[in-house]
Amino acid sequence: VQLVESGGGSVQAGGSLNVSCVVSGYNYRHYCMGWFRQAPGKEREGVAYMASDGSNTYADSVKGRFTISKDNAKKNLYPQMNRMEPGDTAVYYCATSERWSIGGSWASPTFYSNWGQGTQVTVSS
């Protein structure tokens, strides 16, 4: 199983970034996907989550600004980050879980078994 994030970079506050998470070698038909970030000196935190039924959940800090979508045929995840803020600066990761649903614990990294290498996102004021 391989997850590869791409599309990170630098953007000014108020700008947007579209990122991709390409998934390969994954044979599970039903799985959840998570979008996480980790800023220097901070713990990894959940940003967004998509359950096996396609329903989405977002952290309060990004609700209304970030969205995630998935290409079911290719199993790829496409986070879109809008109206970005300096506080969004972090390394962003995608992750998968073989569970049908993680529910209220979606933001905990411990429930995910496969991770990408991360992509750096820097937002300047």
C-alpha atoms as a PDB file:
ATOM      1  CA  VAL A   1       0.000   0.000   0.000  1.00  0.00           C
ATOM      2  CA  GLN A   2       1.348   3.391  -0.933  1.00  0.00           C
ATOM      3  CA  LEU A   3      -0.070   6.845  -0.326  1.00  0.00           C
ATOM      4  CA  VAL A   4       1.619   9.831  -1.960  1.00  0.00           C
ATOM      5  CA  GLU A   5       0.623  13.421  -1.280  1.00  0.00           C
ATOM      6  CA  SER A   6       1.428  16.188  -3.744  1.00  0.00           C
ATOM      7  CA  GLY A   7       0.431  19.770  -4.407  1.00  0.00           C
ATOM      8  CA  GLY A   8       1.693  21.380  -1.239  1.00  0.00           C
ATOM      9  CA  GLY A   9       3.648  24.611  -1.317  1.00  0.00           C
ATOM     10  CA  SER A  10       3.559  28.221  -0.217  1.00  0.00           C
ATOM     11  CA  VAL A  11       0.559  30.510  -0.389  1.00  0.00           C
ATOM     12  CA  GLN A  12      -0.389  33.871   1.030  1.00  0.00           C
ATOM     13  CA  ALA A  13      -3.132  34.211   3.608  1.00  0.00           C
ATOM     14  CA  GLY A  14      -6.517  34.107   1.938  1.00  0.00           C
ATOM     15  CA  GLY A  15      -5.234  31.946  -0.891  1.00  0.00           C
ATOM     16  CA  SER A  16      -6.029  28.365  -1.879  1.00  0.00           C
ATOM     17  CA  LEU A  17      -4.214  25.090  -2.456  1.00  0.00           C
ATOM     18  CA  ASN A  18      -5.481  21.926  -4.088  1.00  0.00           C
ATOM     19  CA  VAL A  19      -3.682  18.811  -2.942  1.00  0.00           C
ATOM     20  CA  SER A  20      -3.786  15.216  -4.120  1.00  0.00           C
ATOM     21  CA  CYS A  21      -3.351  11.948  -2.267  1.00  0.00           C
ATOM     22  CA  VAL A  22      -2.739   9.113  -4.704  1.00  0.00           C
ATOM     23  CA  VAL A  23      -3.427   5.646  -3.308  1.00  0.00           C
ATOM     24  CA  SER A  24      -1.987   2.516  -4.883  1.00  0.00           C
ATOM     25  CA  GLY A  25      -1.877  -1.152  -3.974  1.00  0.00           C
ATOM     26  CA  TYR A  26      -4.990  -0.885  -1.824  1.00  0.00           C
ATOM     27  CA  ASN A  27      -7.447  -3.734  -2.288  1.00  0.00           C
ATOM     28  CA  TYR A  28     -10.020  -2.955   0.364  1.00  0.00           C
ATOM     29  CA  ARG A  29     -13.410  -2.117  -1.059  1.00  0.00           C
ATOM     30  CA  HIS A  30     -14.616  -0.250   2.022  1.00  0.00           C
ATOM     31  CA  TYR A  31     -12.299   2.040   3.936  1.00  0.00           C
ATOM     32  CA  CYS A  32     -12.078   5.427   5.586  1.00  0.00           C
ATOM     33  CA  MET A  33      -9.677   8.201   4.693  1.00  0.00           C
ATOM     34  CA  GLY A  34      -8.274  10.905   6.902  1.00  0.00           C
ATOM     35  CA  TRP A  35      -6.518  14.210   6.236  1.00  0.00           C
ATOM     36  CA  PHE A  36      -4.148  15.229   9.007  1.00  0.00           C
ATOM     37  CA  ARG A  37      -1.583  17.930   9.689  1.00  0.00           C
ATOM     38  CA  GLN A  38       1.333  18.417  12.020  1.00  0.00           C
ATOM     39  CA  ALA A  39       2.877  21.788  12.784  1.00  0.00           C
ATOM     40  CA  PRO A  40       6.379  22.066  14.308  1.00  0.00           C
ATOM     41  CA  GLY A  41       6.312  21.198  17.998  1.00  0.00           C
ATOM     42  CA  LYS A  42       2.679  20.118  17.904  1.00  0.00           C
ATOM     43  CA  GLU A  43       0.909  16.782  17.780  1.00  0.00           C
ATOM     44  CA  ARG A  44      -0.601  15.443  14.595  1.00  0.00           C
ATOM     45  CA  GLU A  45      -4.225  16.556  14.362  1.00  0.00           C
ATOM     46  CA  GLY A  46      -7.170  15.461  12.266  1.00  0.00           C
ATOM     47  CA  VAL A  47      -8.341  18.001   9.706  1.00  0.00           C
ATOM     48  CA  ALA A  48     -10.956  16.090   7.709  1.00  0.00           C
ATOM     49  CA  TYR A  49     -12.359  12.599   7.396  1.00  0.00           C
ATOM     50  CA  MET A  50     -14.325  10.600   4.853  1.00  0.00           C
ATOM     51  CA  ALA A  51     -16.145   7.464   5.950  1.00  0.00           C
ATOM     52  CA  SER A  52     -16.754   4.465   3.704  1.00  0.00           C
ATOM     53  CA  ASP A  53     -20.212   5.784   2.800  1.00  0.00           C
ATOM     54  CA  GLY A  54     -18.706   9.035   1.495  1.00  0.00           C
ATOM     55  CA  SER A  55     -19.848  11.220   4.374  1.00  0.00           C
ATOM     56  CA  ASN A  56     -17.395  13.929   5.452  1.00  0.00           C
ATOM     57  CA  THR A  57     -16.453  15.419   8.793  1.00  0.00           C
ATOM     58  CA  TYR A  58     -14.251  18.472   9.352  1.00  0.00           C
ATOM     59  CA  ALA A  59     -12.373  19.907  12.287  1.00  0.00           C
ATOM     60  CA  ASP A  60     -13.937  23.122  13.577  1.00  0.00           C
ATOM     61  CA  SER A  61     -10.757  25.025  12.688  1.00  0.00           C
ATOM     62  CA  VAL A  62     -11.199  24.321   8.953  1.00  0.00           C
ATOM     63  CA  LYS A  63     -14.967  23.935   8.618  1.00  0.00           C
ATOM     64  CA  GLY A  64     -16.255  26.085   5.785  1.00  0.00           C
ATOM     65  CA  ARG A  65     -12.741  26.532   4.334  1.00  0.00           C
ATOM     66  CA  PHE A  66     -11.486  23.005   3.558  1.00  0.00           C
ATOM     67  CA  THR A  67     -13.246  20.277   1.607  1.00  0.00           C
ATOM     68  CA  ILE A  68     -12.275  16.733   0.665  1.00  0.00           C
ATOM     69  CA  SER A  69     -13.481  14.636  -2.235  1.00  0.00           C
ATOM     70  CA  LYS A  70     -12.554  11.179  -3.478  1.00  0.00           C
ATOM     71  CA  ASP A  71     -12.263   9.500  -6.835  1.00  0.00           C
ATOM     72  CA  ASN A  72     -13.782   6.116  -5.996  1.00  0.00           C
ATOM     73  CA  ALA A  73     -12.423   4.444  -9.099  1.00  0.00           C
ATOM     74  CA  LYS A  74      -8.837   5.490  -8.402  1.00  0.00           C
ATOM     75  CA  LYS A  75      -9.158   5.572  -4.593  1.00  0.00           C
ATOM     76  CA  ASN A  76      -7.495   9.016  -4.590  1.00  0.00           C
ATOM     77  CA  LEU A  77      -8.327  11.781  -2.124  1.00  0.00           C
ATOM     78  CA  TYR A  78      -8.452  15.434  -3.158  1.00  0.00           C
ATOM     79  CA  PRO A  79      -8.316  17.961  -0.350  1.00  0.00           C
ATOM     80  CA  GLN A  80      -9.095  21.533  -1.326  1.00  0.00           C
ATOM     81  CA  MET A  81      -7.966  24.238   1.084  1.00  0.00           C
ATOM     82  CA  ASN A  82      -9.457  27.724   0.716  1.00  0.00           C
ATOM     83  CA  ARG A  83      -9.163  31.016   2.625  1.00  0.00           C
ATOM     84  CA  MET A  84      -5.973  29.734   4.165  1.00  0.00           C
ATOM     85  CA  GLU A  85      -4.537  31.232   7.339  1.00  0.00           C
ATOM     86  CA  PRO A  86      -0.993  31.308   8.781  1.00  0.00           C
ATOM     87  CA  GLY A  87      -2.218  28.843  11.411  1.00  0.00           C
ATOM     88  CA  ASP A  88      -2.746  26.274   8.636  1.00  0.00           C
ATOM     89  CA  THR A  89       1.033  26.008   8.141  1.00  0.00           C
ATOM     90  CA  ALA A  90       2.000  22.368   8.687  1.00  0.00           C
ATOM     91  CA  VAL A  91       2.995  19.121   7.036  1.00  0.00           C
ATOM     92  CA  TYR A  92      -0.195  17.526   5.726  1.00  0.00           C
ATOM     93  CA  TYR A  93      -0.754  13.768   5.558  1.00  0.00           C
ATOM     94  CA  CYS A  94      -3.397  11.469   4.162  1.00  0.00           C
ATOM     95  CA  ALA A  95      -4.167   8.147   5.809  1.00  0.00           C
ATOM     96  CA  THR A  96      -6.435   5.137   5.367  1.00  0.00           C
ATOM     97  CA  SER A  97      -8.251   2.820   7.736  1.00  0.00           C
ATOM     98  CA  GLU A  98      -9.868  -0.519   6.908  1.00  0.00           C
ATOM     99  CA  ARG A  99     -12.754   0.228   9.251  1.00  0.00           C
ATOM    100  CA  TRP A 100     -16.181   0.916   7.757  1.00  0.00           C
ATOM    101  CA  SER A 101     -16.404   3.951  10.049  1.00  0.00           C
ATOM    102  CA  ILE A 102     -14.295   5.473  12.805  1.00  0.00           C
ATOM    103  CA  GLY A 103     -17.090   7.711  14.022  1.00  0.00           C
ATOM    104  CA  GLY A 104     -16.338  10.218  16.718  1.00  0.00           C
ATOM    105  CA  SER A 105     -12.702   9.087  17.007  1.00  0.00           C
ATOM    106  CA  TRP A 106     -11.855  10.005  13.422  1.00  0.00           C
ATOM    107  CA  ALA A 107      -9.307  12.625  14.464  1.00  0.00           C
ATOM    108  CA  SER A 108      -7.146  10.146  16.363  1.00  0.00           C
ATOM    109  CA  PRO A 109      -4.152   8.986  14.289  1.00  0.00           C
ATOM    110  CA  THR A 110      -4.160   5.614  16.072  1.00  0.00           C
ATOM    111  CA  PHE A 111      -7.141   4.383  14.048  1.00  0.00           C
ATOM    112  CA  TYR A 112      -5.313   4.652  10.707  1.00  0.00           C
ATOM    113  CA  SER A 113      -2.941   1.993   9.442  1.00  0.00           C
ATOM    114  CA  ASN A 114      -1.455   3.495   6.275  1.00  0.00           C
ATOM    115  CA  TRP A 115       0.107   6.934   5.895  1.00  0.00           C
ATOM    116  CA  GLY A 116       1.633   9.061   3.179  1.00  0.00           C
ATOM    117  CA  GLN A 117       4.988  10.786   3.554  1.00  0.00           C
ATOM    118  CA  GLY A 118       3.408  14.224   3.914  1.00  0.00           C
ATOM    119  CA  THR A 119       3.509  17.463   1.964  1.00  0.00           C
ATOM    120  CA  GLN A 120       4.598  20.830   3.376  1.00  0.00           C
ATOM    121  CA  VAL A 121       2.098  23.686   3.298  1.00  0.00           C
ATOM    122  CA  THR A 122       3.227  27.174   4.314  1.00  0.00           C
ATOM    123  CA  VAL A 123       0.848  30.120   4.621  1.00  0.00           C
ATOM    124  CA  SER A 124       2.388  33.577   4.924  1.00  0.00           C
ATOM    125  CA  SER A 125       0.631  36.640   6.309  1.00  0.00           C
END
